[in-house]
Structures are given as C-alpha cells and as structure tokens.
Amino acid sequence: MDQSNAQHRNVVVRIPGVVAVAALGEFNNWSTVSTVLERIGTDQWELRWQPGIDLRNLCFFVWDSGRIGGRVLRPPAYQLGWQS
C-alpha cells in the first residue's frame, strides 16, 4: 500500500467477526493494548496513523467474540484501505 497519503488520512482495516482490534509492530514495542483501533462500521476498524507505523509490516491483535484471549493477524490476512 502506498504510504504517501498516510499523513493526511486514517487507515481502515476490514477484519470480520472480531470484537476488538489493536495494531502491533516495532512502533509500539509489539504492545497488544497501546494502539487500539476504533470500530467505525460492521467489520471495519480505524487506525489513526502515526509517524513510524510501517503499513507494509503491520500486524493486528484481535479478540474474537466468544473466545478467551486473542490472536495475531499478519499480512495478508486482512484488508487495508484509506478512509475517505
């Protein structure tokens, strides 16, 4: 994904069937709680882009409905797009 628009837009990720999502990467020391995404629609979550986030290697920690704990999603297990 082209990161040239990243400073002006937030990133939207589509992950079906989860109740919470957090971004993971070197930018936040792989913390599962420091960069929580906001739900903006059915199966859609918004990441407020910050300098240092490498979208090419971004991972997400997701909490599924009805399950204890969570799981990590690595690319290409999710779809990214820019919020319009």
N, C-alpha and C. Protein backbone atom coordinates (compact mmCIF):
# COMPACT_ATOMS: atom_id res chain seq x y z
N MET A 1 0.84 -1.17 0.00
CA MET A 1 0.00 0.00 0.00
C MET A 1 0.88 1.24 0.00
N ASP A 2 0.54 2.19 -0.83
CA ASP A 2 1.26 3.45 -0.90
C ASP A 2 1.05 4.24 0.38
N GLN A 3 2.15 4.65 1.02
CA GLN A 3 2.05 5.38 2.29
C GLN A 3 2.10 6.89 2.10
N SER A 4 2.08 7.39 0.88
CA SER A 4 2.23 8.81 0.64
C SER A 4 1.08 9.63 1.21
N ASN A 5 -0.11 9.07 1.31
CA ASN A 5 -1.25 9.79 1.86
C ASN A 5 -1.41 9.59 3.35
N ALA A 6 -0.54 8.84 3.97
CA ALA A 6 -0.72 8.43 5.36
C ALA A 6 -0.78 9.60 6.33
N GLN A 7 -0.06 10.66 6.05
CA GLN A 7 -0.05 11.78 7.00
C GLN A 7 -1.36 12.54 7.00
N HIS A 8 -2.21 12.33 6.02
CA HIS A 8 -3.43 13.10 5.89
C HIS A 8 -4.69 12.28 6.11
N ARG A 9 -4.56 11.00 6.24
CA ARG A 9 -5.74 10.14 6.35
C ARG A 9 -5.51 9.06 7.39
N ASN A 10 -6.60 8.56 7.91
CA ASN A 10 -6.52 7.40 8.79
C ASN A 10 -6.67 6.14 7.95
N VAL A 11 -6.20 5.05 8.49
CA VAL A 11 -6.24 3.77 7.79
C VAL A 11 -7.43 2.98 8.30
N VAL A 12 -8.15 2.35 7.39
CA VAL A 12 -9.27 1.49 7.74
C VAL A 12 -8.88 0.06 7.44
N VAL A 13 -9.13 -0.81 8.41
CA VAL A 13 -8.85 -2.24 8.21
C VAL A 13 -10.16 -3.00 8.33
N ARG A 14 -10.35 -3.98 7.46
CA ARG A 14 -11.55 -4.82 7.49
C ARG A 14 -11.16 -6.17 8.05
N ILE A 15 -11.72 -6.49 9.23
CA ILE A 15 -11.49 -7.78 9.87
C ILE A 15 -12.84 -8.29 10.36
N PRO A 16 -13.42 -9.25 9.68
CA PRO A 16 -14.75 -9.74 10.05
C PRO A 16 -14.77 -10.53 11.36
N GLY A 17 -15.87 -10.39 12.09
CA GLY A 17 -16.17 -11.25 13.23
C GLY A 17 -15.35 -11.07 14.48
N VAL A 18 -14.77 -9.89 14.70
CA VAL A 18 -13.99 -9.67 15.92
C VAL A 18 -14.63 -8.57 16.76
N VAL A 19 -14.33 -8.56 18.06
CA VAL A 19 -14.92 -7.57 18.96
C VAL A 19 -13.97 -6.45 19.31
N ALA A 20 -12.67 -6.62 19.09
CA ALA A 20 -11.69 -5.57 19.36
C ALA A 20 -10.43 -5.84 18.54
N VAL A 21 -9.72 -4.75 18.18
CA VAL A 21 -8.53 -4.85 17.36
C VAL A 21 -7.48 -3.87 17.87
N ALA A 22 -6.23 -4.31 17.92
CA ALA A 22 -5.11 -3.42 18.26
C ALA A 22 -4.02 -3.62 17.22
N ALA A 23 -3.34 -2.54 16.86
CA ALA A 23 -2.22 -2.61 15.92
C ALA A 23 -0.96 -3.04 16.67
N LEU A 24 -0.13 -3.82 16.01
CA LEU A 24 1.12 -4.30 16.59
C LEU A 24 2.28 -4.01 15.65
N GLY A 25 3.43 -3.72 16.23
CA GLY A 25 4.64 -3.54 15.42
C GLY A 25 5.76 -2.96 16.25
N GLU A 26 6.88 -2.75 15.58
CA GLU A 26 8.03 -2.17 16.27
C GLU A 26 7.72 -0.78 16.80
N PHE A 27 6.82 -0.05 16.13
CA PHE A 27 6.48 1.32 16.54
C PHE A 27 5.91 1.39 17.95
N ASN A 28 5.31 0.31 18.45
CA ASN A 28 4.74 0.31 19.81
C ASN A 28 5.26 -0.87 20.65
N ASN A 29 6.44 -1.36 20.30
CA ASN A 29 7.07 -2.47 21.02
C ASN A 29 6.17 -3.70 21.12
N TRP A 30 5.38 -3.93 20.07
CA TRP A 30 4.51 -5.10 19.97
C TRP A 30 3.49 -5.18 21.11
N SER A 31 3.04 -4.04 21.58
CA SER A 31 2.03 -3.98 22.65
C SER A 31 0.65 -4.31 22.10
N THR A 32 -0.08 -5.16 22.81
CA THR A 32 -1.43 -5.53 22.38
C THR A 32 -2.48 -4.55 22.89
N VAL A 33 -2.08 -3.54 23.64
CA VAL A 33 -3.07 -2.61 24.21
C VAL A 33 -2.77 -1.13 23.95
N SER A 34 -1.61 -0.79 23.43
CA SER A 34 -1.27 0.62 23.31
C SER A 34 -1.84 1.32 22.07
N THR A 35 -2.20 0.56 21.04
CA THR A 35 -2.71 1.17 19.80
C THR A 35 -4.01 0.47 19.40
N VAL A 36 -5.06 0.73 20.16
CA VAL A 36 -6.36 0.10 19.95
C VAL A 36 -7.10 0.86 18.85
N LEU A 37 -7.70 0.12 17.93
CA LEU A 37 -8.45 0.72 16.84
C LEU A 37 -9.89 0.99 17.25
N GLU A 38 -10.50 1.95 16.58
CA GLU A 38 -11.90 2.31 16.85
C GLU A 38 -12.79 1.65 15.80
N ARG A 39 -13.90 1.05 16.27
CA ARG A 39 -14.86 0.44 15.34
C ARG A 39 -15.60 1.58 14.63
N ILE A 40 -15.64 1.52 13.30
CA ILE A 40 -16.33 2.56 12.54
C ILE A 40 -17.46 2.00 11.68
N GLY A 41 -17.67 0.71 11.74
CA GLY A 41 -18.73 0.07 10.97
C GLY A 41 -18.64 -1.43 11.13
N THR A 42 -19.56 -2.13 10.52
CA THR A 42 -19.55 -3.58 10.58
C THR A 42 -18.25 -4.11 9.99
N ASP A 43 -17.50 -4.82 10.82
CA ASP A 43 -16.23 -5.43 10.41
C ASP A 43 -15.16 -4.41 9.99
N GLN A 44 -15.35 -3.13 10.29
CA GLN A 44 -14.37 -2.12 9.90
C GLN A 44 -13.84 -1.39 11.13
N TRP A 45 -12.52 -1.21 11.12
CA TRP A 45 -11.80 -0.61 12.26
C TRP A 45 -10.88 0.47 11.74
N GLU A 46 -10.76 1.57 12.49
CA GLU A 46 -9.95 2.69 12.06
C GLU A 46 -8.68 2.80 12.89
N LEU A 47 -7.55 2.94 12.20
CA LEU A 47 -6.25 3.16 12.82
C LEU A 47 -5.87 4.61 12.57
N ARG A 48 -5.69 5.36 13.64
CA ARG A 48 -5.22 6.74 13.49
C ARG A 48 -3.72 6.66 13.20
N TRP A 49 -3.37 6.96 11.96
CA TRP A 49 -1.99 6.80 11.50
C TRP A 49 -1.06 7.70 12.28
N GLN A 50 0.11 7.16 12.62
CA GLN A 50 1.14 7.89 13.35
C GLN A 50 2.46 7.70 12.62
N PRO A 51 3.34 8.73 12.66
CA PRO A 51 4.67 8.54 12.07
C PRO A 51 5.35 7.33 12.71
N GLY A 52 6.04 6.57 11.91
CA GLY A 52 6.74 5.39 12.42
C GLY A 52 6.01 4.09 12.18
N ILE A 53 4.73 4.16 11.83
CA ILE A 53 3.98 2.94 11.55
C ILE A 53 4.28 2.51 10.11
N ASP A 54 4.86 1.34 9.96
CA ASP A 54 5.15 0.78 8.64
C ASP A 54 3.98 -0.09 8.23
N LEU A 55 3.15 0.41 7.35
CA LEU A 55 1.93 -0.30 6.96
C LEU A 55 2.23 -1.61 6.24
N ARG A 56 3.41 -1.73 5.65
CA ARG A 56 3.75 -2.97 4.93
C ARG A 56 3.95 -4.15 5.87
N ASN A 57 4.34 -3.89 7.11
CA ASN A 57 4.62 -4.96 8.07
C ASN A 57 3.71 -4.91 9.28
N LEU A 58 2.62 -4.20 9.17
CA LEU A 58 1.70 -4.02 10.29
C LEU A 58 0.97 -5.32 10.63
N CYS A 59 0.91 -5.64 11.90
CA CYS A 59 0.15 -6.79 12.37
C CYS A 59 -0.97 -6.29 13.27
N PHE A 60 -1.96 -7.13 13.48
CA PHE A 60 -3.06 -6.78 14.36
C PHE A 60 -3.29 -7.89 15.36
N PHE A 61 -3.62 -7.50 16.59
CA PHE A 61 -4.04 -8.44 17.62
C PHE A 61 -5.54 -8.30 17.72
N VAL A 62 -6.27 -9.40 17.55
CA VAL A 62 -7.74 -9.34 17.54
C VAL A 62 -8.33 -10.23 18.62
N TRP A 63 -9.43 -9.76 19.16
CA TRP A 63 -10.19 -10.51 20.15
C TRP A 63 -11.47 -10.96 19.46
N ASP A 64 -11.66 -12.27 19.39
CA ASP A 64 -12.85 -12.84 18.76
C ASP A 64 -13.98 -12.95 19.76
N SER A 65 -15.19 -12.82 19.27
CA SER A 65 -16.38 -12.98 20.11
C SER A 65 -16.45 -14.41 20.62
N GLY A 66 -16.66 -14.56 21.91
CA GLY A 66 -16.85 -15.88 22.50
C GLY A 66 -15.58 -16.67 22.75
N ARG A 67 -14.41 -16.07 22.57
CA ARG A 67 -13.15 -16.77 22.81
C ARG A 67 -12.35 -16.05 23.88
N ILE A 68 -11.64 -16.82 24.65
CA ILE A 68 -10.75 -16.25 25.65
C ILE A 68 -9.41 -15.98 24.98
N GLY A 69 -8.84 -14.82 25.25
CA GLY A 69 -7.56 -14.48 24.63
C GLY A 69 -7.76 -13.91 23.25
N GLY A 70 -6.69 -13.82 22.50
CA GLY A 70 -6.76 -13.24 21.17
C GLY A 70 -5.79 -13.94 20.24
N ARG A 71 -5.67 -13.38 19.04
CA ARG A 71 -4.77 -13.97 18.05
C ARG A 71 -4.14 -12.85 17.23
N VAL A 72 -3.02 -13.13 16.62
CA VAL A 72 -2.30 -12.16 15.81
C VAL A 72 -2.61 -12.42 14.33
N LEU A 73 -2.91 -11.34 13.61
CA LEU A 73 -3.08 -11.41 12.16
C LEU A 73 -1.91 -10.70 11.51
N ARG A 74 -1.28 -11.38 10.58
CA ARG A 74 -0.17 -10.81 9.82
C ARG A 74 -0.61 -10.64 8.37
N PRO A 75 0.00 -9.71 7.63
CA PRO A 75 -0.39 -9.57 6.23
C PRO A 75 -0.15 -10.88 5.48
N PRO A 76 -1.01 -11.26 4.59
CA PRO A 76 -2.16 -10.57 4.01
C PRO A 76 -3.50 -11.03 4.59
N ALA A 77 -3.57 -11.33 5.86
CA ALA A 77 -4.80 -11.87 6.46
C ALA A 77 -5.86 -10.81 6.70
N TYR A 78 -5.63 -9.60 6.26
CA TYR A 78 -6.61 -8.52 6.45
C TYR A 78 -6.53 -7.59 5.25
N GLN A 79 -7.53 -6.70 5.14
CA GLN A 79 -7.55 -5.75 4.03
C GLN A 79 -7.42 -4.33 4.60
N LEU A 80 -6.48 -3.54 4.06
CA LEU A 80 -6.31 -2.14 4.44
C LEU A 80 -6.86 -1.23 3.36
N GLY A 81 -7.30 -0.07 3.78
CA GLY A 81 -7.72 0.96 2.85
C GLY A 81 -7.64 2.31 3.53
N TRP A 82 -7.69 3.38 2.74
CA TRP A 82 -7.68 4.72 3.32
C TRP A 82 -9.11 5.16 3.56
N GLN A 83 -9.33 5.83 4.68
CA GLN A 83 -10.65 6.36 4.97
C GLN A 83 -10.90 7.55 4.05
N SER A 84 -12.07 7.57 3.41
CA SER A 84 -12.36 8.67 2.51
C SER A 84 -13.29 9.67 3.14
